[in-house]
Amino acid sequence: KNYGIKVYMKTIAIIGVGSIGRRHAEGVSKIKDEKCILLVDPIKKNLSNALKLIDQKKTRVKCFRNVELIPNSIDLAILSCNSDQRYQVFEKLVYQRKIKNILLEKIIFTDTKSLFNFKELVSQKKIKTWVNFTRREVAFYRNLKKKLRGEQIKSFEVIGGEWGLASNSLHFLDLILFLRNENEIVGNLESYQLELTNSKRSGFFEFFGELSFNLNNTYVCFNSFAGGDFSHLIKIRTDKSLIFIDETNDKAWIKNDDTSIFSAINLPLMSEVSEIITANIINNGTCFLPEYNYSMKLHEFYINQLEFLNLKFKTNNFTCIT
């Protein structure tokens, strides 16, 4: 069933329209292409909240509470549902459907078996897939990568209050790979001092404290303080430069032997990034985000570190991070 969707329309399915998914919906609704947006979520209130962000006079929108009911041909599927449900949703999505492209939120999956099963299935069905590490789409970080070309990153640190250490560490690990122009992470967890707590999302957890890694001779340290009311700060030291980045207050300071530069970061809103990414994928078949095969290796590394921590904390659900 095509629900009255015209052949010339781009069909974009957003599966899971909670706090992240509805921002995807807002951004996707602003692309200039003739389109139909399919919103999928079992919770009626989530669908209603997402609809409020879309100008339905300019965009055709269809709502579903079951992914198995959506049309059979999809130009782009954005999987922004919970990480522990994502693989099962994906299997239902691709069954007897033609999906051209997929955009995944992180953490992709909570176990390595799903990582490999997903890789095999998208390869069989020839689905192009990216992971939504959005800093790669930000002009400031792309320019910083050019400035650091030829320099060796000696240390990379993030410190702040309640910035989501459990899942957002992946964003910064990916940023390190991006700045170093590398596709595969090499290293190990060196030390940790962690306190587990329940996440705001039911059934998931967060942790506070410190994680440190040695990544191919780069010292990496993440600190997130419970109850802290100050924004996170990124500090990068290379063999030639020192960089401080305050994303919340839109400031960066870059110093090397010759110059000292203050710069605005101009981080776009999530909906603005989603608009750009979606337009590039459906029209050009590409974007600046990491392809799945590369990001899968990062997730495998991270999940393996968390499984090591499972033994230390005597728990079996340490990877239930949102």
C-alpha atoms as a PDB file:
ATOM      1  CA  LYS A   1       0.000   0.000   0.000  1.00  0.00           C
ATOM      2  CA  ASN A   2       1.418   3.409  -0.968  1.00  0.00           C
ATOM      3  CA  TYR A   3      -1.038   5.653   0.993  1.00  0.00           C
ATOM      4  CA  GLY A   4      -1.389   8.077  -1.899  1.00  0.00           C
ATOM      5  CA  ILE A   5       2.344   8.807  -2.100  1.00  0.00           C
ATOM      6  CA  LYS A   6       3.232  10.098  -5.580  1.00  0.00           C
ATOM      7  CA  VAL A   7       5.968   8.338  -7.546  1.00  0.00           C
ATOM      8  CA  TYR A   8       8.083  11.518  -7.763  1.00  0.00           C
ATOM      9  CA  MET A   9       8.054  12.063  -3.981  1.00  0.00           C
ATOM     10  CA  LYS A  10      11.002  11.236  -1.753  1.00  0.00           C
ATOM     11  CA  THR A  11       9.836   8.918   1.035  1.00  0.00           C
ATOM     12  CA  ILE A  12      11.569   9.357   4.389  1.00  0.00           C
ATOM     13  CA  ALA A  13      10.674   7.156   7.350  1.00  0.00           C
ATOM     14  CA  ILE A  14      11.572   8.237  10.879  1.00  0.00           C
ATOM     15  CA  ILE A  15      11.264   5.268  13.217  1.00  0.00           C
ATOM     16  CA  GLY A  16      11.080   6.481  16.797  1.00  0.00           C
ATOM     17  CA  VAL A  17       9.974  10.104  17.236  1.00  0.00           C
ATOM     18  CA  GLY A  18      10.900  10.788  20.841  1.00  0.00           C
ATOM     19  CA  SER A  19      13.151  13.709  21.759  1.00  0.00           C
ATOM     20  CA  ILE A  20      15.681  12.961  18.997  1.00  0.00           C
ATOM     21  CA  GLY A  21      13.331  11.602  16.348  1.00  0.00           C
ATOM     22  CA  ARG A  22      11.030  14.599  16.403  1.00  0.00           C
ATOM     23  CA  ARG A  23      14.012  16.901  15.734  1.00  0.00           C
ATOM     24  CA  HIS A  24      14.780  14.746  12.716  1.00  0.00           C
ATOM     25  CA  ALA A  25      11.166  15.221  11.654  1.00  0.00           C
ATOM     26  CA  GLU A  26      11.465  18.988  12.042  1.00  0.00           C
ATOM     27  CA  GLY A  27      14.635  19.100   9.948  1.00  0.00           C
ATOM     28  CA  VAL A  28      13.473  16.691   7.257  1.00  0.00           C
ATOM     29  CA  SER A  29      10.257  18.684   6.797  1.00  0.00           C
ATOM     30  CA  LYS A  30      12.327  21.705   5.672  1.00  0.00           C
ATOM     31  CA  ILE A  31      14.140  20.102   2.744  1.00  0.00           C
ATOM     32  CA  LYS A  32      12.986  21.497  -0.594  1.00  0.00           C
ATOM     33  CA  ASP A  33      12.282  18.188  -2.305  1.00  0.00           C
ATOM     34  CA  GLU A  34       8.735  16.949  -2.794  1.00  0.00           C
ATOM     35  CA  LYS A  35       8.478  14.408  -0.018  1.00  0.00           C
ATOM     36  CA  CYS A  36       6.374  12.259   2.242  1.00  0.00           C
ATOM     37  CA  ILE A  37       7.474  11.791   5.834  1.00  0.00           C
ATOM     38  CA  LEU A  38       6.470   8.583   7.590  1.00  0.00           C
ATOM     39  CA  LEU A  39       6.457   8.947  11.371  1.00  0.00           C
ATOM     40  CA  VAL A  40       6.579   5.654  13.253  1.00  0.00           C
ATOM     41  CA  ASP A  41       6.201   5.332  17.014  1.00  0.00           C
ATOM     42  CA  PRO A  42       4.032   3.116  19.251  1.00  0.00           C
ATOM     43  CA  ILE A  43       3.341   6.069  21.576  1.00  0.00           C
ATOM     44  CA  LYS A  44       0.591   8.345  20.305  1.00  0.00           C
ATOM     45  CA  LYS A  45       1.859  11.380  22.229  1.00  0.00           C
ATOM     46  CA  ASN A  46       5.261  11.141  20.528  1.00  0.00           C
ATOM     47  CA  LEU A  47       3.556  11.218  17.130  1.00  0.00           C
ATOM     48  CA  SER A  48       1.484  14.248  18.162  1.00  0.00           C
ATOM     49  CA  ASN A  49       4.555  16.132  19.410  1.00  0.00           C
ATOM     50  CA  ALA A  50       6.426  15.430  16.178  1.00  0.00           C
ATOM     51  CA  LEU A  51       3.489  16.610  14.048  1.00  0.00           C
ATOM     52  CA  LYS A  52       3.539  19.983  15.839  1.00  0.00           C
ATOM     53  CA  LEU A  53       6.999  20.657  14.401  1.00  0.00           C
ATOM     54  CA  ILE A  54       5.985  20.021  10.772  1.00  0.00           C
ATOM     55  CA  ASP A  55       4.191  22.417   8.430  1.00  0.00           C
ATOM     56  CA  GLN A  56       1.655  19.951   7.049  1.00  0.00           C
ATOM     57  CA  LYS A  57       0.505  22.429   4.397  1.00  0.00           C
ATOM     58  CA  LYS A  58       3.875  21.956   2.672  1.00  0.00           C
ATOM     59  CA  THR A  59       4.699  18.373   3.609  1.00  0.00           C
ATOM     60  CA  ARG A  60       2.744  15.160   3.277  1.00  0.00           C
ATOM     61  CA  VAL A  61       2.929  13.240   6.556  1.00  0.00           C
ATOM     62  CA  LYS A  62       1.688   9.779   7.499  1.00  0.00           C
ATOM     63  CA  CYS A  63       1.722   8.384  11.043  1.00  0.00           C
ATOM     64  CA  PHE A  64       2.060   4.736  12.040  1.00  0.00           C
ATOM     65  CA  ARG A  65       2.293   2.924  15.347  1.00  0.00           C
ATOM     66  CA  ASN A  66       3.770  -0.218  13.787  1.00  0.00           C
ATOM     67  CA  VAL A  67       6.771  -0.257  11.412  1.00  0.00           C
ATOM     68  CA  GLU A  68       5.334  -3.270   9.563  1.00  0.00           C
ATOM     69  CA  LEU A  69       2.504  -1.110   8.176  1.00  0.00           C
ATOM     70  CA  ILE A  70       4.618   1.465   6.321  1.00  0.00           C
ATOM     71  CA  PRO A  71       4.975   1.509   2.487  1.00  0.00           C
ATOM     72  CA  ASN A  72       7.328  -0.874   0.712  1.00  0.00           C
ATOM     73  CA  SER A  73       9.678   1.636  -0.911  1.00  0.00           C
ATOM     74  CA  ILE A  74      11.737   4.018   1.271  1.00  0.00           C
ATOM     75  CA  ASP A  75      14.409   6.485   0.112  1.00  0.00           C
ATOM     76  CA  LEU A  76      15.762   7.051   3.615  1.00  0.00           C
ATOM     77  CA  ALA A  77      14.961   5.389   6.926  1.00  0.00           C
ATOM     78  CA  ILE A  78      16.132   7.166  10.097  1.00  0.00           C
ATOM     79  CA  LEU A  79      16.313   4.720  13.012  1.00  0.00           C
ATOM     80  CA  SER A  80      16.009   6.840  16.154  1.00  0.00           C
ATOM     81  CA  CYS A  81      14.230   4.293  18.332  1.00  0.00           C
ATOM     82  CA  ASN A  82      15.741   2.883  21.539  1.00  0.00           C
ATOM     83  CA  SER A  83      19.092   1.128  21.093  1.00  0.00           C
ATOM     84  CA  ASP A  84      17.903  -2.118  22.728  1.00  0.00           C
ATOM     85  CA  GLN A  85      14.994  -2.360  20.238  1.00  0.00           C
ATOM     86  CA  ARG A  86      16.767  -1.096  17.121  1.00  0.00           C
ATOM     87  CA  TYR A  87      17.894  -4.384  15.589  1.00  0.00           C
ATOM     88  CA  GLN A  88      14.453  -5.996  15.937  1.00  0.00           C
ATOM     89  CA  VAL A  89      12.868  -2.883  14.392  1.00  0.00           C
ATOM     90  CA  PHE A  90      15.425  -2.972  11.579  1.00  0.00           C
ATOM     91  CA  GLU A  91      14.596  -6.608  10.756  1.00  0.00           C
ATOM     92  CA  LYS A  92      10.886  -5.762  10.504  1.00  0.00           C
ATOM     93  CA  LEU A  93      11.658  -2.690   8.423  1.00  0.00           C
ATOM     94  CA  VAL A  94      13.712  -4.414   5.719  1.00  0.00           C
ATOM     95  CA  TYR A  95      11.491  -7.498   5.432  1.00  0.00           C
ATOM     96  CA  GLN A  96      10.040  -7.444   1.880  1.00  0.00           C
ATOM     97  CA  ARG A  97      10.843  -3.717   1.521  1.00  0.00           C
ATOM     98  CA  LYS A  98      13.197  -1.766  -0.701  1.00  0.00           C
ATOM     99  CA  ILE A  99      15.221   0.586   1.497  1.00  0.00           C
ATOM    100  CA  LYS A 100      17.798   2.738  -0.303  1.00  0.00           C
ATOM    101  CA  ASN A 101      19.509   4.432   2.654  1.00  0.00           C
ATOM    102  CA  ILE A 102      19.584   4.184   6.449  1.00  0.00           C
ATOM    103  CA  LEU A 103      20.699   6.704   9.067  1.00  0.00           C
ATOM    104  CA  LEU A 104      21.362   5.240  12.530  1.00  0.00           C
ATOM    105  CA  GLU A 105      21.458   7.003  15.867  1.00  0.00           C
ATOM    106  CA  LYS A 106      24.063   5.934  18.403  1.00  0.00           C
ATOM    107  CA  ILE A 107      24.593   3.843  20.332  1.00  0.00           C
ATOM    108  CA  ILE A 108      23.767   1.694  17.303  1.00  0.00           C
ATOM    109  CA  PHE A 109      23.136  -1.574  19.126  1.00  0.00           C
ATOM    110  CA  THR A 110      23.863  -2.816  22.624  1.00  0.00           C
ATOM    111  CA  ASP A 111      25.610  -6.067  21.613  1.00  0.00           C
ATOM    112  CA  THR A 112      28.274  -7.044  19.099  1.00  0.00           C
ATOM    113  CA  LYS A 113      26.195  -9.853  17.577  1.00  0.00           C
ATOM    114  CA  SER A 114      23.663  -7.304  16.309  1.00  0.00           C
ATOM    115  CA  LEU A 115      26.497  -5.191  14.885  1.00  0.00           C
ATOM    116  CA  PHE A 116      27.673  -8.065  12.686  1.00  0.00           C
ATOM    117  CA  ASN A 117      24.177  -9.299  11.763  1.00  0.00           C
ATOM    118  CA  PHE A 118      23.236  -5.785  10.668  1.00  0.00           C
ATOM    119  CA  LYS A 119      26.387  -5.485   8.556  1.00  0.00           C
ATOM    120  CA  GLU A 120      25.586  -8.744   6.768  1.00  0.00           C
ATOM    121  CA  LEU A 121      21.951  -7.836   6.093  1.00  0.00           C
ATOM    122  CA  VAL A 122      22.565  -4.306   4.739  1.00  0.00           C
ATOM    123  CA  SER A 123      25.305  -5.735   2.533  1.00  0.00           C
ATOM    124  CA  GLN A 124      22.942  -8.369   1.142  1.00  0.00           C
ATOM    125  CA  LYS A 125      20.253  -5.797   0.467  1.00  0.00           C
ATOM    126  CA  LYS A 126      22.715  -3.136  -0.791  1.00  0.00           C
ATOM    127  CA  ILE A 127      21.522  -0.469   1.642  1.00  0.00           C
ATOM    128  CA  LYS A 128      23.853   2.506   2.130  1.00  0.00           C
ATOM    129  CA  THR A 129      24.125   3.246   5.848  1.00  0.00           C
ATOM    130  CA  TRP A 130      25.591   6.040   7.992  1.00  0.00           C
ATOM    131  CA  VAL A 131      25.808   6.739  11.733  1.00  0.00           C
ATOM    132  CA  ASN A 132      24.735  10.138  13.025  1.00  0.00           C
ATOM    133  CA  PHE A 133      27.955  11.518  14.524  1.00  0.00           C
ATOM    134  CA  THR A 134      27.025  15.075  13.658  1.00  0.00           C
ATOM    135  CA  ARG A 135      30.246  16.919  14.544  1.00  0.00           C
ATOM    136  CA  ARG A 136      31.622  15.696  11.215  1.00  0.00           C
ATOM    137  CA  GLU A 137      29.003  17.888   9.530  1.00  0.00           C
ATOM    138  CA  VAL A 138      30.050  21.031  11.429  1.00  0.00           C
ATOM    139  CA  ALA A 139      32.234  23.449   9.434  1.00  0.00           C
ATOM    140  CA  PHE A 140      34.326  24.349  12.514  1.00  0.00           C
ATOM    141  CA  TYR A 141      35.456  20.739  13.012  1.00  0.00           C
ATOM    142  CA  ARG A 142      36.079  20.188   9.305  1.00  0.00           C
ATOM    143  CA  ASN A 143      38.288  23.295   9.282  1.00  0.00           C
ATOM    144  CA  LEU A 144      40.012  22.188  12.493  1.00  0.00           C
ATOM    145  CA  LYS A 145      40.838  18.870  10.840  1.00  0.00           C
ATOM    146  CA  LYS A 146      42.576  20.775   8.028  1.00  0.00           C
ATOM    147  CA  LYS A 147      44.519  22.931  10.532  1.00  0.00           C
ATOM    148  CA  LEU A 148      45.741  19.840  12.380  1.00  0.00           C
ATOM    149  CA  ARG A 149      46.900  18.038   9.247  1.00  0.00           C
ATOM    150  CA  GLY A 150      50.441  16.823   9.843  1.00  0.00           C
ATOM    151  CA  GLU A 151      50.180  17.279  13.620  1.00  0.00           C
ATOM    152  CA  GLN A 152      50.050  14.429  16.128  1.00  0.00           C
ATOM    153  CA  ILE A 153      47.277  14.559  18.720  1.00  0.00           C
ATOM    154  CA  LYS A 154      48.958  13.900  22.059  1.00  0.00           C
ATOM    155  CA  SER A 155      45.886  14.235  24.293  1.00  0.00           C
ATOM    156  CA  PHE A 156      42.131  14.721  24.012  1.00  0.00           C
ATOM    157  CA  GLU A 157      40.108  15.539  27.127  1.00  0.00           C
ATOM    158  CA  VAL A 158      36.459  16.347  27.836  1.00  0.00           C
ATOM    159  CA  ILE A 159      35.381  17.592  31.253  1.00  0.00           C
ATOM    160  CA  GLY A 160      32.039  18.934  32.458  1.00  0.00           C
ATOM    161  CA  GLY A 161      28.886  18.353  34.442  1.00  0.00           C
ATOM    162  CA  GLU A 162      26.370  15.695  33.400  1.00  0.00           C
ATOM    163  CA  TRP A 163      27.163  15.649  29.684  1.00  0.00           C
ATOM    164  CA  GLY A 164      26.133  12.013  29.177  1.00  0.00           C
ATOM    165  CA  LEU A 165      29.372  10.075  29.630  1.00  0.00           C
ATOM    166  CA  ALA A 166      27.866   6.643  28.907  1.00  0.00           C
ATOM    167  CA  SER A 167      26.699   7.340  25.357  1.00  0.00           C
ATOM    168  CA  ASN A 168      28.225  10.678  24.367  1.00  0.00           C
ATOM    169  CA  SER A 169      31.752   9.347  24.844  1.00  0.00           C
ATOM    170  CA  LEU A 170      31.162   7.699  21.470  1.00  0.00           C
ATOM    171  CA  HIS A 171      30.697  11.122  19.859  1.00  0.00           C
ATOM    172  CA  PHE A 172      34.084  12.253  21.097  1.00  0.00           C
ATOM    173  CA  LEU A 173      35.832   8.992  20.208  1.00  0.00           C
ATOM    174  CA  ASP A 174      34.475   9.422  16.686  1.00  0.00           C
ATOM    175  CA  LEU A 175      35.652  13.048  16.662  1.00  0.00           C
ATOM    176  CA  ILE A 176      39.187  11.866  17.489  1.00  0.00           C
ATOM    177  CA  LEU A 177      39.098   9.442  14.550  1.00  0.00           C
ATOM    178  CA  PHE A 178      37.784  12.214  12.297  1.00  0.00           C
ATOM    179  CA  LEU A 179      40.465  14.734  13.301  1.00  0.00           C
ATOM    180  CA  ARG A 180      43.184  12.084  12.855  1.00  0.00           C
ATOM    181  CA  ASN A 181      41.693  10.992   9.507  1.00  0.00           C
ATOM    182  CA  GLU A 182      41.472   7.395  10.693  1.00  0.00           C
ATOM    183  CA  ASN A 183      38.750   4.793  10.194  1.00  0.00           C
ATOM    184  CA  GLU A 184      39.610   2.239  12.868  1.00  0.00           C
ATOM    185  CA  ILE A 185      40.191   2.750  16.566  1.00  0.00           C
ATOM    186  CA  VAL A 186      43.263   1.141  18.121  1.00  0.00           C
ATOM    187  CA  GLY A 187      43.808   1.154  21.868  1.00  0.00           C
ATOM    188  CA  ASN A 188      42.411   0.137  25.205  1.00  0.00           C
ATOM    189  CA  LEU A 189      40.668   1.337  28.347  1.00  0.00           C
ATOM    190  CA  GLU A 190      43.353   2.364  30.838  1.00  0.00           C
ATOM    191  CA  SER A 191      41.463   3.406  33.950  1.00  0.00           C
ATOM    192  CA  TYR A 192      38.011   4.272  35.254  1.00  0.00           C
ATOM    193  CA  GLN A 193      36.284   5.699  38.302  1.00  0.00           C
ATOM    194  CA  LEU A 194      32.578   5.377  37.719  1.00  0.00           C
ATOM    195  CA  GLU A 195      29.289   5.735  39.528  1.00  0.00           C
ATOM    196  CA  LEU A 196      26.240   4.110  37.942  1.00  0.00           C
ATOM    197  CA  THR A 197      22.822   5.737  38.010  1.00  0.00           C
ATOM    198  CA  ASN A 198      19.496   5.259  36.229  1.00  0.00           C
ATOM    199  CA  SER A 199      19.012   7.234  33.051  1.00  0.00           C
ATOM    200  CA  LYS A 200      16.077   9.587  32.540  1.00  0.00           C
ATOM    201  CA  ARG A 201      14.893   7.015  30.008  1.00  0.00           C
ATOM    202  CA  SER A 202      13.321   4.007  31.701  1.00  0.00           C
ATOM    203  CA  GLY A 203      15.327   0.793  31.527  1.00  0.00           C
ATOM    204  CA  PHE A 204      18.623   2.497  30.681  1.00  0.00           C
ATOM    205  CA  PHE A 205      21.499   3.788  32.748  1.00  0.00           C
ATOM    206  CA  GLU A 206      24.026   6.596  32.834  1.00  0.00           C
ATOM    207  CA  PHE A 207      27.311   6.841  34.628  1.00  0.00           C
ATOM    208  CA  PHE A 208      29.394   9.631  36.078  1.00  0.00           C
ATOM    209  CA  GLY A 209      33.082   9.830  36.816  1.00  0.00           C
ATOM    210  CA  GLU A 210      36.119   9.260  34.627  1.00  0.00           C
ATOM    211  CA  LEU A 211      37.081   7.043  31.702  1.00  0.00           C
ATOM    212  CA  SER A 212      40.573   7.156  30.233  1.00  0.00           C
ATOM    213  CA  PHE A 213      41.964   5.415  27.158  1.00  0.00           C
ATOM    214  CA  ASN A 214      45.258   5.012  25.362  1.00  0.00           C
ATOM    215  CA  LEU A 215      44.400   5.269  21.674  1.00  0.00           C
ATOM    216  CA  ASN A 216      47.449   4.675  19.527  1.00  0.00           C
ATOM    217  CA  ASN A 217      49.641   6.922  21.724  1.00  0.00           C
ATOM    218  CA  THR A 218      46.931   9.520  22.279  1.00  0.00           C
ATOM    219  CA  TYR A 219      45.871  10.002  25.905  1.00  0.00           C
ATOM    220  CA  VAL A 220      42.074  10.307  26.082  1.00  0.00           C
ATOM    221  CA  CYS A 221      40.199  11.239  29.249  1.00  0.00           C
ATOM    222  CA  PHE A 222      36.474  11.871  29.745  1.00  0.00           C
ATOM    223  CA  ASN A 223      35.123  13.378  32.994  1.00  0.00           C
ATOM    224  CA  SER A 224      31.446  13.918  33.774  1.00  0.00           C
ATOM    225  CA  PHE A 225      30.397  15.095  37.226  1.00  0.00           C
ATOM    226  CA  ALA A 226      27.048  14.262  38.818  1.00  0.00           C
ATOM    227  CA  GLY A 227      25.197  17.394  39.846  1.00  0.00           C
ATOM    228  CA  GLY A 228      27.594  19.620  37.936  1.00  0.00           C
ATOM    229  CA  ASP A 229      25.977  22.702  36.428  1.00  0.00           C
ATOM    230  CA  PHE A 230      28.864  23.749  34.166  1.00  0.00           C
ATOM    231  CA  SER A 231      29.142  23.037  30.455  1.00  0.00           C
ATOM    232  CA  HIS A 232      31.604  20.540  29.036  1.00  0.00           C
ATOM    233  CA  LEU A 233      34.972  21.755  27.794  1.00  0.00           C
ATOM    234  CA  ILE A 234      37.119  20.016  25.159  1.00  0.00           C
ATOM    235  CA  LYS A 235      40.914  20.279  25.395  1.00  0.00           C
ATOM    236  CA  ILE A 236      43.117  19.006  22.578  1.00  0.00           C
ATOM    237  CA  ARG A 237      46.913  19.067  22.702  1.00  0.00           C
ATOM    238  CA  THR A 238      49.036  18.209  19.668  1.00  0.00           C
ATOM    239  CA  ASP A 239      52.794  18.329  19.173  1.00  0.00           C
ATOM    240  CA  LYS A 240      52.340  21.902  17.863  1.00  0.00           C
ATOM    241  CA  SER A 241      48.991  23.274  19.065  1.00  0.00           C
ATOM    242  CA  LEU A 242      46.743  23.685  22.089  1.00  0.00           C
ATOM    243  CA  ILE A 243      42.984  23.924  21.554  1.00  0.00           C
ATOM    244  CA  PHE A 244      40.163  24.676  23.985  1.00  0.00           C
ATOM    245  CA  ILE A 245      36.572  24.273  22.748  1.00  0.00           C
ATOM    246  CA  ASP A 246      33.480  25.410  24.670  1.00  0.00           C
ATOM    247  CA  GLU A 247      30.577  24.213  22.545  1.00  0.00           C
ATOM    248  CA  THR A 248      27.860  25.434  24.898  1.00  0.00           C
ATOM    249  CA  ASN A 249      29.109  29.028  24.812  1.00  0.00           C
ATOM    250  CA  ASP A 250      30.172  28.894  21.149  1.00  0.00           C
ATOM    251  CA  LYS A 251      33.859  29.652  21.743  1.00  0.00           C
ATOM    252  CA  ALA A 252      37.170  28.106  20.743  1.00  0.00           C
ATOM    253  CA  TRP A 253      40.784  29.106  21.343  1.00  0.00           C
ATOM    254  CA  ILE A 254      43.547  27.713  19.135  1.00  0.00           C
ATOM    255  CA  LYS A 255      47.187  28.422  19.964  1.00  0.00           C
ATOM    256  CA  ASN A 256      50.389  27.286  18.315  1.00  0.00           C
ATOM    257  CA  ASP A 257      53.946  28.600  18.200  1.00  0.00           C
ATOM    258  CA  ASP A 258      53.076  31.455  15.854  1.00  0.00           C
ATOM    259  CA  THR A 259      49.475  32.453  16.468  1.00  0.00           C
ATOM    260  CA  SER A 260      46.654  32.565  18.977  1.00  0.00           C
ATOM    261  CA  ILE A 261      43.145  32.565  17.539  1.00  0.00           C
ATOM    262  CA  PHE A 262      39.719  32.972  19.120  1.00  0.00           C
ATOM    263  CA  SER A 263      36.889  31.583  17.041  1.00  0.00           C
ATOM    264  CA  ALA A 264      33.140  31.024  17.097  1.00  0.00           C
ATOM    265  CA  ILE A 265      32.025  27.430  16.595  1.00  0.00           C
ATOM    266  CA  ASN A 266      28.533  28.048  15.215  1.00  0.00           C
ATOM    267  CA  LEU A 267      27.131  24.651  16.152  1.00  0.00           C
ATOM    268  CA  PRO A 268      23.890  24.201  14.216  1.00  0.00           C
ATOM    269  CA  LEU A 269      20.707  22.963  15.839  1.00  0.00           C
ATOM    270  CA  MET A 270      20.042  19.252  15.564  1.00  0.00           C
ATOM    271  CA  SER A 271      17.099  19.876  13.214  1.00  0.00           C
ATOM    272  CA  GLU A 272      19.340  22.013  10.965  1.00  0.00           C
ATOM    273  CA  VAL A 273      21.957  19.257  10.740  1.00  0.00           C
ATOM    274  CA  SER A 274      19.268  16.683   9.997  1.00  0.00           C
ATOM    275  CA  GLU A 275      17.951  18.849   7.150  1.00  0.00           C
ATOM    276  CA  ILE A 276      21.419  19.054   5.560  1.00  0.00           C
ATOM    277  CA  ILE A 277      22.224  15.360   6.024  1.00  0.00           C
ATOM    278  CA  THR A 278      18.878  14.196   4.648  1.00  0.00           C
ATOM    279  CA  ALA A 279      19.072  16.456   1.582  1.00  0.00           C
ATOM    280  CA  ASN A 280      22.594  15.239   0.782  1.00  0.00           C
ATOM    281  CA  ILE A 281      21.736  11.559   1.204  1.00  0.00           C
ATOM    282  CA  ILE A 282      18.546  11.515  -0.862  1.00  0.00           C
ATOM    283  CA  ASN A 283      19.927  13.770  -3.627  1.00  0.00           C
ATOM    284  CA  ASN A 284      23.625  12.930  -3.752  1.00  0.00           C
ATOM    285  CA  GLY A 285      23.845   9.526  -2.066  1.00  0.00           C
ATOM    286  CA  THR A 286      26.496  10.744   0.363  1.00  0.00           C
ATOM    287  CA  CYS A 287      27.229  12.933   3.405  1.00  0.00           C
ATOM    288  CA  PHE A 288      30.083  13.717   5.821  1.00  0.00           C
ATOM    289  CA  LEU A 289      28.921  11.176   8.417  1.00  0.00           C
ATOM    290  CA  PRO A 290      30.874   7.940   8.935  1.00  0.00           C
ATOM    291  CA  GLU A 291      29.677   4.942   6.960  1.00  0.00           C
ATOM    292  CA  TYR A 292      28.421   2.004   8.988  1.00  0.00           C
ATOM    293  CA  ASN A 293      31.366  -0.308   8.316  1.00  0.00           C
ATOM    294  CA  TYR A 294      33.747   2.191   9.933  1.00  0.00           C
ATOM    295  CA  SER A 295      31.487   3.201  12.807  1.00  0.00           C
ATOM    296  CA  MET A 296      30.722  -0.428  13.564  1.00  0.00           C
ATOM    297  CA  LYS A 297      34.388  -0.923  14.535  1.00  0.00           C
ATOM    298  CA  LEU A 298      34.191   1.988  16.975  1.00  0.00           C
ATOM    299  CA  HIS A 299      31.010   0.585  18.535  1.00  0.00           C
ATOM    300  CA  GLU A 300      32.541  -2.890  18.777  1.00  0.00           C
ATOM    301  CA  PHE A 301      35.545  -1.408  20.598  1.00  0.00           C
ATOM    302  CA  TYR A 302      33.348   0.569  22.988  1.00  0.00           C
ATOM    303  CA  ILE A 303      30.913  -2.266  23.732  1.00  0.00           C
ATOM    304  CA  ASN A 304      33.848  -4.564  24.458  1.00  0.00           C
ATOM    305  CA  GLN A 305      35.183  -2.045  26.976  1.00  0.00           C
ATOM    306  CA  LEU A 306      31.764  -1.868  28.645  1.00  0.00           C
ATOM    307  CA  GLU A 307      31.533  -5.665  28.759  1.00  0.00           C
ATOM    308  CA  PHE A 308      34.870  -5.668  30.585  1.00  0.00           C
ATOM    309  CA  LEU A 309      33.334  -3.259  33.087  1.00  0.00           C
ATOM    310  CA  ASN A 310      30.363  -5.634  33.452  1.00  0.00           C
ATOM    311  CA  LEU A 311      32.682  -8.065  35.219  1.00  0.00           C
ATOM    312  CA  LYS A 312      34.017  -5.370  37.517  1.00  0.00           C
ATOM    313  CA  PHE A 313      30.551  -4.114  38.463  1.00  0.00           C
ATOM    314  CA  LYS A 314      29.036  -7.620  38.515  1.00  0.00           C
ATOM    315  CA  THR A 315      26.179  -6.641  36.225  1.00  0.00           C
ATOM    316  CA  ASN A 316      25.003  -8.023  32.898  1.00  0.00           C
ATOM    317  CA  ASN A 317      23.307  -4.947  31.437  1.00  0.00           C
ATOM    318  CA  PHE A 318      26.108  -2.392  31.359  1.00  0.00           C
ATOM    319  CA  THR A 319      25.546  -1.839  27.644  1.00  0.00           C
ATOM    320  CA  CYS A 320      21.921  -0.728  28.124  1.00  0.00           C
ATOM    321  CA  ILE A 321      22.819   2.856  27.330  1.00  0.00           C
ATOM    322  CA  THR A 322      20.497   5.079  25.384  1.00  0.00           C
END
